[in-house]
Amino acid sequence: MGGNYSFVDTETTIGLVNFRLMNTHQGEQHYSNIIQINQADLANNLPRLYPNPASHQLFVEHIASNSIIQLIAENGVVLKTYSPKKII
């Protein structure tokens, strides 16, 4: 057994949330360890962009170092591309 698994739980609430996986292999059910995630901690570290709408300045917080930010016009044209490490 092995492999990769990903899932985005869009219906959790803020606070402590418990997760575990059940895997069925050759008719047998196997359970993972229970992990506990504090959704409040995650919410505090989500990317933040402000003000909205922006006219001359846009502030970006809590961005991963490997992120790329693109400013895109309403017609889909990429106006500018930024990286937290450097401006592209």
PDB file of N, CA and C in Angstrom:
ATOM      1  N   MET A   1       0.843  -1.174   0.000  1.00  0.00           N
ATOM      2  CA  MET A   1       0.000   0.000   0.000  1.00  0.00           C
ATOM      3  C   MET A   1       0.887   1.236   0.000  1.00  0.00           C
ATOM      4  N   GLY A   2       0.335   2.326  -0.373  1.00  0.00           N
ATOM      5  CA  GLY A   2       1.068   3.583  -0.415  1.00  0.00           C
ATOM      6  C   GLY A   2       0.439   4.479  -1.451  1.00  0.00           C
ATOM      7  N   GLY A   3       1.053   5.569  -1.709  1.00  0.00           N
ATOM      8  CA  GLY A   3       0.534   6.485  -2.705  1.00  0.00           C
ATOM      9  C   GLY A   3       0.279   7.846  -2.126  1.00  0.00           C
ATOM     10  N   ASN A   4      -0.288   8.687  -2.944  1.00  0.00           N
ATOM     11  CA  ASN A   4      -0.578  10.060  -2.538  1.00  0.00           C
ATOM     12  C   ASN A   4      -2.081  10.266  -2.475  1.00  0.00           C
ATOM     13  N   TYR A   5      -2.480  11.129  -1.587  1.00  0.00           N
ATOM     14  CA  TYR A   5      -3.890  11.438  -1.414  1.00  0.00           C
ATOM     15  C   TYR A   5      -4.011  12.900  -1.052  1.00  0.00           C
ATOM     16  N   SER A   6      -4.975  13.566  -1.640  1.00  0.00           N
ATOM     17  CA  SER A   6      -5.254  14.939  -1.231  1.00  0.00           C
ATOM     18  C   SER A   6      -6.763  15.161  -1.240  1.00  0.00           C
ATOM     19  N   PHE A   7      -7.193  16.040  -0.359  1.00  0.00           N
ATOM     20  CA  PHE A   7      -8.613  16.340  -0.229  1.00  0.00           C
ATOM     21  C   PHE A   7      -8.747  17.716   0.386  1.00  0.00           C
ATOM     22  N   VAL A   8      -9.630  18.530  -0.136  1.00  0.00           N
ATOM     23  CA  VAL A   8      -9.904  19.849   0.432  1.00  0.00           C
ATOM     24  C   VAL A   8     -11.289  19.796   1.056  1.00  0.00           C
ATOM     25  N   ASP A   9     -11.332  19.951   2.361  1.00  0.00           N
ATOM     26  CA  ASP A   9     -12.603  19.935   3.083  1.00  0.00           C
ATOM     27  C   ASP A   9     -13.130  21.364   3.142  1.00  0.00           C
ATOM     28  N   THR A  10     -14.117  21.659   2.328  1.00  0.00           N
ATOM     29  CA  THR A  10     -14.657  23.015   2.233  1.00  0.00           C
ATOM     30  C   THR A  10     -15.793  23.267   3.218  1.00  0.00           C
ATOM     31  N   GLU A  11     -16.151  22.256   4.019  1.00  0.00           N
ATOM     32  CA  GLU A  11     -17.293  22.411   4.910  1.00  0.00           C
ATOM     33  C   GLU A  11     -16.930  22.336   6.384  1.00  0.00           C
ATOM     34  N   THR A  12     -15.645  22.512   6.714  1.00  0.00           N
ATOM     35  CA  THR A  12     -15.262  22.475   8.118  1.00  0.00           C
ATOM     36  C   THR A  12     -15.560  23.808   8.780  1.00  0.00           C
ATOM     37  N   THR A  13     -15.584  23.787  10.090  1.00  0.00           N
ATOM     38  CA  THR A  13     -15.824  25.003  10.853  1.00  0.00           C
ATOM     39  C   THR A  13     -14.512  25.475  11.468  1.00  0.00           C
ATOM     40  N   ILE A  14     -14.498  26.711  11.946  1.00  0.00           N
ATOM     41  CA  ILE A  14     -13.320  27.241  12.616  1.00  0.00           C
ATOM     42  C   ILE A  14     -13.179  26.556  13.970  1.00  0.00           C
ATOM     43  N   GLY A  15     -11.970  26.226  14.338  1.00  0.00           N
ATOM     44  CA  GLY A  15     -11.701  25.558  15.610  1.00  0.00           C
ATOM     45  C   GLY A  15     -10.954  24.263  15.371  1.00  0.00           C
ATOM     46  N   LEU A  16     -10.999  23.379  16.353  1.00  0.00           N
ATOM     47  CA  LEU A  16     -10.303  22.097  16.247  1.00  0.00           C
ATOM     48  C   LEU A  16     -11.113  21.113  15.424  1.00  0.00           C
ATOM     49  N   VAL A  17     -10.455  20.478  14.458  1.00  0.00           N
ATOM     50  CA  VAL A  17     -11.106  19.507  13.582  1.00  0.00           C
ATOM     51  C   VAL A  17     -10.249  18.249  13.562  1.00  0.00           C
ATOM     52  N   ASN A  18     -10.887  17.077  13.695  1.00  0.00           N
ATOM     53  CA  ASN A  18     -10.183  15.795  13.665  1.00  0.00           C
ATOM     54  C   ASN A  18     -10.396  15.125  12.309  1.00  0.00           C
ATOM     55  N   PHE A  19      -9.321  14.544  11.772  1.00  0.00           N
ATOM     56  CA  PHE A  19      -9.387  13.830  10.504  1.00  0.00           C
ATOM     57  C   PHE A  19      -8.719  12.471  10.651  1.00  0.00           C
ATOM     58  N   ARG A  20      -9.223  11.497   9.928  1.00  0.00           N
ATOM     59  CA  ARG A  20      -8.529  10.227   9.737  1.00  0.00           C
ATOM     60  C   ARG A  20      -9.041   9.624   8.439  1.00  0.00           C
ATOM     61  N   LEU A  21      -8.240   8.771   7.854  1.00  0.00           N
ATOM     62  CA  LEU A  21      -8.589   8.136   6.586  1.00  0.00           C
ATOM     63  C   LEU A  21      -8.910   6.667   6.797  1.00  0.00           C
ATOM     64  N   MET A  22      -9.853   6.167   6.014  1.00  0.00           N
ATOM     65  CA  MET A  22     -10.114   4.742   5.975  1.00  0.00           C
ATOM     66  C   MET A  22      -9.726   4.262   4.579  1.00  0.00           C
ATOM     67  N   ASN A  23      -8.882   3.261   4.528  1.00  0.00           N
ATOM     68  CA  ASN A  23      -8.438   2.702   3.263  1.00  0.00           C
ATOM     69  C   ASN A  23      -8.933   1.255   3.186  1.00  0.00           C
ATOM     70  N   THR A  24      -9.547   0.900   2.082  1.00  0.00           N
ATOM     71  CA  THR A  24      -9.977  -0.484   1.879  1.00  0.00           C
ATOM     72  C   THR A  24      -9.030  -1.127   0.873  1.00  0.00           C
ATOM     73  N   HIS A  25      -8.350  -2.184   1.327  1.00  0.00           N
ATOM     74  CA  HIS A  25      -7.386  -2.887   0.477  1.00  0.00           C
ATOM     75  C   HIS A  25      -7.689  -4.373   0.542  1.00  0.00           C
ATOM     76  N   GLN A  26      -8.011  -4.952  -0.585  1.00  0.00           N
ATOM     77  CA  GLN A  26      -8.352  -6.372  -0.686  1.00  0.00           C
ATOM     78  C   GLN A  26      -9.434  -6.760   0.320  1.00  0.00           C
ATOM     79  N   GLY A  27     -10.447  -5.903   0.418  1.00  0.00           N
ATOM     80  CA  GLY A  27     -11.592  -6.176   1.268  1.00  0.00           C
ATOM     81  C   GLY A  27     -11.392  -5.864   2.745  1.00  0.00           C
ATOM     82  N   GLU A  28     -10.196  -5.469   3.145  1.00  0.00           N
ATOM     83  CA  GLU A  28      -9.939  -5.140   4.546  1.00  0.00           C
ATOM     84  C   GLU A  28      -9.872  -3.635   4.722  1.00  0.00           C
ATOM     85  N   GLN A  29     -10.460  -3.147   5.810  1.00  0.00           N
ATOM     86  CA  GLN A  29     -10.439  -1.718   6.112  1.00  0.00           C
ATOM     87  C   GLN A  29      -9.289  -1.417   7.071  1.00  0.00           C
ATOM     88  N   HIS A  30      -8.537  -0.376   6.723  1.00  0.00           N
ATOM     89  CA  HIS A  30      -7.429   0.081   7.547  1.00  0.00           C
ATOM     90  C   HIS A  30      -7.629   1.564   7.823  1.00  0.00           C
ATOM     91  N   TYR A  31      -7.389   1.971   9.060  1.00  0.00           N
ATOM     92  CA  TYR A  31      -7.575   3.368   9.453  1.00  0.00           C
ATOM     93  C   TYR A  31      -6.232   4.029   9.747  1.00  0.00           C
ATOM     94  N   SER A  32      -6.113   5.283   9.334  1.00  0.00           N
ATOM     95  CA  SER A  32      -4.919   6.063   9.658  1.00  0.00           C
ATOM     96  C   SER A  32      -5.017   6.565  11.091  1.00  0.00           C
ATOM     97  N   ASN A  33      -3.918   7.124  11.583  1.00  0.00           N
ATOM     98  CA  ASN A  33      -3.953   7.815  12.864  1.00  0.00           C
ATOM     99  C   ASN A  33      -4.842   9.042  12.737  1.00  0.00           C
ATOM    100  N   ILE A  34      -5.446   9.443  13.829  1.00  0.00           N
ATOM    101  CA  ILE A  34      -6.256  10.659  13.838  1.00  0.00           C
ATOM    102  C   ILE A  34      -5.327  11.856  13.947  1.00  0.00           C
ATOM    103  N   ILE A  35      -5.524  12.838  13.096  1.00  0.00           N
ATOM    104  CA  ILE A  35      -4.777  14.080  13.210  1.00  0.00           C
ATOM    105  C   ILE A  35      -5.752  15.200  13.551  1.00  0.00           C
ATOM    106  N   GLN A  36      -5.280  16.153  14.316  1.00  0.00           N
ATOM    107  CA  GLN A  36      -6.115  17.274  14.728  1.00  0.00           C
ATOM    108  C   GLN A  36      -5.524  18.553  14.140  1.00  0.00           C
ATOM    109  N   ILE A  37      -6.379  19.334  13.510  1.00  0.00           N
ATOM    110  CA  ILE A  37      -5.967  20.588  12.882  1.00  0.00           C
ATOM    111  C   ILE A  37      -6.768  21.720  13.500  1.00  0.00           C
ATOM    112  N   ASN A  38      -6.071  22.799  13.827  1.00  0.00           N
ATOM    113  CA  ASN A  38      -6.748  23.975  14.359  1.00  0.00           C
ATOM    114  C   ASN A  38      -7.038  24.902  13.184  1.00  0.00           C
ATOM    115  N   GLN A  39      -8.273  24.900  12.742  1.00  0.00           N
ATOM    116  CA  GLN A  39      -8.677  25.705  11.590  1.00  0.00           C
ATOM    117  C   GLN A  39      -8.474  27.198  11.843  1.00  0.00           C
ATOM    118  N   ALA A  40      -8.556  27.646  13.087  1.00  0.00           N
ATOM    119  CA  ALA A  40      -8.347  29.064  13.400  1.00  0.00           C
ATOM    120  C   ALA A  40      -6.914  29.454  13.073  1.00  0.00           C
ATOM    121  N   ASP A  41      -5.942  28.572  13.376  1.00  0.00           N
ATOM    122  CA  ASP A  41      -4.545  28.853  13.049  1.00  0.00           C
ATOM    123  C   ASP A  41      -4.353  28.955  11.544  1.00  0.00           C
ATOM    124  N   LEU A  42      -5.002  28.064  10.797  1.00  0.00           N
ATOM    125  CA  LEU A  42      -4.881  28.105   9.342  1.00  0.00           C
ATOM    126  C   LEU A  42      -5.492  29.377   8.778  1.00  0.00           C
ATOM    127  N   ALA A  43      -6.641  29.774   9.292  1.00  0.00           N
ATOM    128  CA  ALA A  43      -7.319  30.971   8.790  1.00  0.00           C
ATOM    129  C   ALA A  43      -6.474  32.215   9.011  1.00  0.00           C
ATOM    130  N   ASN A  44      -5.721  32.258  10.098  1.00  0.00           N
ATOM    131  CA  ASN A  44      -4.875  33.411  10.381  1.00  0.00           C
ATOM    132  C   ASN A  44      -3.681  33.499   9.444  1.00  0.00           C
ATOM    133  N   ASN A  45      -3.341  32.407   8.760  1.00  0.00           N
ATOM    134  CA  ASN A  45      -2.180  32.392   7.876  1.00  0.00           C
ATOM    135  C   ASN A  45      -2.541  32.318   6.396  1.00  0.00           C
ATOM    136  N   LEU A  46      -3.799  32.530   6.071  1.00  0.00           N
ATOM    137  CA  LEU A  46      -4.194  32.540   4.673  1.00  0.00           C
ATOM    138  C   LEU A  46      -3.680  33.805   4.001  1.00  0.00           C
ATOM    139  N   PRO A  47      -3.399  33.733   2.696  1.00  0.00           N
ATOM    140  CA  PRO A  47      -2.982  34.955   1.995  1.00  0.00           C
ATOM    141  C   PRO A  47      -4.030  36.057   2.171  1.00  0.00           C
ATOM    142  N   ARG A  48      -3.559  37.267   2.333  1.00  0.00           N
ATOM    143  CA  ARG A  48      -4.448  38.409   2.544  1.00  0.00           C
ATOM    144  C   ARG A  48      -4.063  39.516   1.579  1.00  0.00           C
ATOM    145  N   LEU A  49      -5.022  40.013   0.826  1.00  0.00           N
ATOM    146  CA  LEU A  49      -4.804  41.118  -0.099  1.00  0.00           C
ATOM    147  C   LEU A  49      -5.753  42.244   0.272  1.00  0.00           C
ATOM    148  N   TYR A  50      -5.216  43.458   0.363  1.00  0.00           N
ATOM    149  CA  TYR A  50      -6.053  44.602   0.728  1.00  0.00           C
ATOM    150  C   TYR A  50      -5.389  45.867   0.239  1.00  0.00           C
ATOM    151  N   PRO A  51      -6.094  46.962   0.058  1.00  0.00           N
ATOM    152  CA  PRO A  51      -7.555  47.106   0.126  1.00  0.00           C
ATOM    153  C   PRO A  51      -8.208  46.536  -1.130  1.00  0.00           C
ATOM    154  N   ASN A  52      -9.481  46.309  -1.031  1.00  0.00           N
ATOM    155  CA  ASN A  52     -10.241  45.819  -2.170  1.00  0.00           C
ATOM    156  C   ASN A  52     -11.508  46.647  -2.272  1.00  0.00           C
ATOM    157  N   PRO A  53     -11.666  47.429  -3.321  1.00  0.00           N
ATOM    158  CA  PRO A  53     -10.777  47.534  -4.492  1.00  0.00           C
ATOM    159  C   PRO A  53      -9.560  48.404  -4.182  1.00  0.00           C
ATOM    160  N   ALA A  54      -8.510  48.186  -4.962  1.00  0.00           N
ATOM    161  CA  ALA A  54      -7.271  48.970  -4.823  1.00  0.00           C
ATOM    162  C   ALA A  54      -7.171  49.923  -6.007  1.00  0.00           C
ATOM    163  N   SER A  55      -6.586  51.074  -5.761  1.00  0.00           N
ATOM    164  CA  SER A  55      -6.421  52.028  -6.864  1.00  0.00           C
ATOM    165  C   SER A  55      -4.951  52.204  -7.239  1.00  0.00           C
ATOM    166  N   HIS A  56      -4.067  52.415  -6.243  1.00  0.00           N
ATOM    167  CA  HIS A  56      -2.657  52.646  -6.545  1.00  0.00           C
ATOM    168  C   HIS A  56      -1.729  51.685  -5.829  1.00  0.00           C
ATOM    169  N   GLN A  57      -2.187  51.108  -4.729  1.00  0.00           N
ATOM    170  CA  GLN A  57      -1.368  50.221  -3.917  1.00  0.00           C
ATOM    171  C   GLN A  57      -2.180  49.018  -3.485  1.00  0.00           C
ATOM    172  N   LEU A  58      -1.545  47.839  -3.514  1.00  0.00           N
ATOM    173  CA  LEU A  58      -2.171  46.605  -3.048  1.00  0.00           C
ATOM    174  C   LEU A  58      -1.187  45.925  -2.105  1.00  0.00           C
ATOM    175  N   PHE A  59      -1.619  45.588  -0.905  1.00  0.00           N
ATOM    176  CA  PHE A  59      -0.772  44.926   0.075  1.00  0.00           C
ATOM    177  C   PHE A  59      -1.089  43.437   0.079  1.00  0.00           C
ATOM    178  N   VAL A  60      -0.038  42.612   0.170  1.00  0.00           N
ATOM    179  CA  VAL A  60      -0.190  41.159   0.182  1.00  0.00           C
ATOM    180  C   VAL A  60       0.549  40.625   1.399  1.00  0.00           C
ATOM    181  N   GLU A  61      -0.140  39.809   2.207  1.00  0.00           N
ATOM    182  CA  GLU A  61       0.449  39.225   3.412  1.00  0.00           C
ATOM    183  C   GLU A  61       0.268  37.710   3.410  1.00  0.00           C
ATOM    184  N   HIS A  62       1.121  37.042   4.152  1.00  0.00           N
ATOM    185  CA  HIS A  62       1.053  35.587   4.353  1.00  0.00           C
ATOM    186  C   HIS A  62       1.144  34.829   3.027  1.00  0.00           C
ATOM    187  N   ILE A  63       2.185  35.104   2.303  1.00  0.00           N
ATOM    188  CA  ILE A  63       2.391  34.470   0.999  1.00  0.00           C
ATOM    189  C   ILE A  63       3.568  33.512   1.092  1.00  0.00           C
ATOM    190  N   ALA A  64       3.431  32.324   0.542  1.00  0.00           N
ATOM    191  CA  ALA A  64       4.529  31.351   0.537  1.00  0.00           C
ATOM    192  C   ALA A  64       5.674  31.860  -0.334  1.00  0.00           C
ATOM    193  N   SER A  65       6.886  31.491   0.017  1.00  0.00           N
ATOM    194  CA  SER A  65       8.059  32.007  -0.698  1.00  0.00           C
ATOM    195  C   SER A  65       8.123  31.529  -2.147  1.00  0.00           C
ATOM    196  N   ASN A  66       7.429  30.452  -2.479  1.00  0.00           N
ATOM    197  CA  ASN A  66       7.442  29.958  -3.863  1.00  0.00           C
ATOM    198  C   ASN A  66       6.202  30.395  -4.647  1.00  0.00           C
ATOM    199  N   SER A  67       5.466  31.353  -4.126  1.00  0.00           N
ATOM    200  CA  SER A  67       4.240  31.830  -4.778  1.00  0.00           C
ATOM    201  C   SER A  67       4.551  32.758  -5.951  1.00  0.00           C
ATOM    202  N   ILE A  68       3.607  32.834  -6.846  1.00  0.00           N
ATOM    203  CA  ILE A  68       3.652  33.806  -7.943  1.00  0.00           C
ATOM    204  C   ILE A  68       2.318  34.537  -7.928  1.00  0.00           C
ATOM    205  N   ILE A  69       2.371  35.851  -7.971  1.00  0.00           N
ATOM    206  CA  ILE A  69       1.168  36.683  -7.960  1.00  0.00           C
ATOM    207  C   ILE A  69       1.041  37.341  -9.321  1.00  0.00           C
ATOM    208  N   GLN A  70      -0.130  37.251  -9.920  1.00  0.00           N
ATOM    209  CA  GLN A  70      -0.376  37.903 -11.198  1.00  0.00           C
ATOM    210  C   GLN A  70      -1.520  38.889 -11.061  1.00  0.00           C
ATOM    211  N   LEU A  71      -1.319  40.093 -11.575  1.00  0.00           N
ATOM    212  CA  LEU A  71      -2.401  41.063 -11.688  1.00  0.00           C
ATOM    213  C   LEU A  71      -2.989  40.889 -13.083  1.00  0.00           C
ATOM    214  N   ILE A  72      -4.275  40.582 -13.128  1.00  0.00           N
ATOM    215  CA  ILE A  72      -4.930  40.269 -14.399  1.00  0.00           C
ATOM    216  C   ILE A  72      -6.087  41.232 -14.613  1.00  0.00           C
ATOM    217  N   ALA A  73      -6.131  41.845 -15.793  1.00  0.00           N
ATOM    218  CA  ALA A  73      -7.200  42.776 -16.139  1.00  0.00           C
ATOM    219  C   ALA A  73      -8.503  42.018 -16.367  1.00  0.00           C
ATOM    220  N   GLU A  74      -9.602  42.751 -16.383  1.00  0.00           N
ATOM    221  CA  GLU A  74     -10.921  42.140 -16.595  1.00  0.00           C
ATOM    222  C   GLU A  74     -10.997  41.360 -17.897  1.00  0.00           C
ATOM    223  N   ASN A  75     -10.216  41.769 -18.907  1.00  0.00           N
ATOM    224  CA  ASN A  75     -10.249  41.074 -20.194  1.00  0.00           C
ATOM    225  C   ASN A  75      -9.300  39.879 -20.247  1.00  0.00           C
ATOM    226  N   GLY A  76      -8.657  39.538 -19.111  1.00  0.00           N
ATOM    227  CA  GLY A  76      -7.796  38.368 -19.045  1.00  0.00           C
ATOM    228  C   GLY A  76      -6.331  38.631 -19.338  1.00  0.00           C
ATOM    229  N   VAL A  77      -5.962  39.851 -19.663  1.00  0.00           N
ATOM    230  CA  VAL A  77      -4.569  40.188 -19.967  1.00  0.00           C
ATOM    231  C   VAL A  77      -3.775  40.290 -18.664  1.00  0.00           C
ATOM    232  N   VAL A  78      -2.623  39.611 -18.604  1.00  0.00           N
ATOM    233  CA  VAL A  78      -1.757  39.680 -17.435  1.00  0.00           C
ATOM    234  C   VAL A  78      -1.030  41.017 -17.459  1.00  0.00           C
ATOM    235  N   LEU A  79      -1.282  41.844 -16.445  1.00  0.00           N
ATOM    236  CA  LEU A  79      -0.678  43.172 -16.382  1.00  0.00           C
ATOM    237  C   LEU A  79       0.708  43.129 -15.745  1.00  0.00           C
ATOM    238  N   LYS A  80       0.884  42.298 -14.724  1.00  0.00           N
ATOM    239  CA  LYS A  80       2.153  42.238 -14.006  1.00  0.00           C
ATOM    240  C   LYS A  80       2.238  40.905 -13.280  1.00  0.00           C
ATOM    241  N   THR A  81       3.445  40.371 -13.176  1.00  0.00           N
ATOM    242  CA  THR A  81       3.691  39.137 -12.437  1.00  0.00           C
ATOM    243  C   THR A  81       4.738  39.422 -11.375  1.00  0.00           C
ATOM    244  N   TYR A  82       4.461  38.976 -10.141  1.00  0.00           N
ATOM    245  CA  TYR A  82       5.361  39.206  -9.014  1.00  0.00           C
ATOM    246  C   TYR A  82       5.706  37.887  -8.348  1.00  0.00           C
ATOM    247  N   SER A  83       6.856  37.843  -7.737  1.00  0.00           N
ATOM    248  CA  SER A  83       7.268  36.735  -6.881  1.00  0.00           C
ATOM    249  C   SER A  83       7.698  37.367  -5.564  1.00  0.00           C
ATOM    250  N   PRO A  84       7.444  36.714  -4.418  1.00  0.00           N
ATOM    251  CA  PRO A  84       7.875  37.296  -3.151  1.00  0.00           C
ATOM    252  C   PRO A  84       9.390  37.525  -3.082  1.00  0.00           C
ATOM    253  N   LYS A  85      10.160  36.748  -3.830  1.00  0.00           N
ATOM    254  CA  LYS A  85      11.606  36.892  -3.806  1.00  0.00           C
ATOM    255  C   LYS A  85      12.077  38.035  -4.707  1.00  0.00           C
ATOM    256  N   LYS A  86      11.397  38.203  -5.836  1.00  0.00           N
ATOM    257  CA  LYS A  86      11.810  39.242  -6.783  1.00  0.00           C
ATOM    258  C   LYS A  86      10.645  39.607  -7.682  1.00  0.00           C
ATOM    259  N   ILE A  87      10.739  40.724  -8.344  1.00  0.00           N
ATOM    260  CA  ILE A  87       9.723  41.127  -9.322  1.00  0.00           C
ATOM    261  C   ILE A  87      10.134  40.535 -10.663  1.00  0.00           C
ATOM    262  N   ILE A  88       9.179  39.866 -11.320  1.00  0.00           N
ATOM    263  CA  ILE A  88       9.462  39.230 -12.610  1.00  0.00           C
ATOM    264  C   ILE A  88       9.117  40.182 -13.737  1.00  0.00           C
TER     265      ILE A  88
END
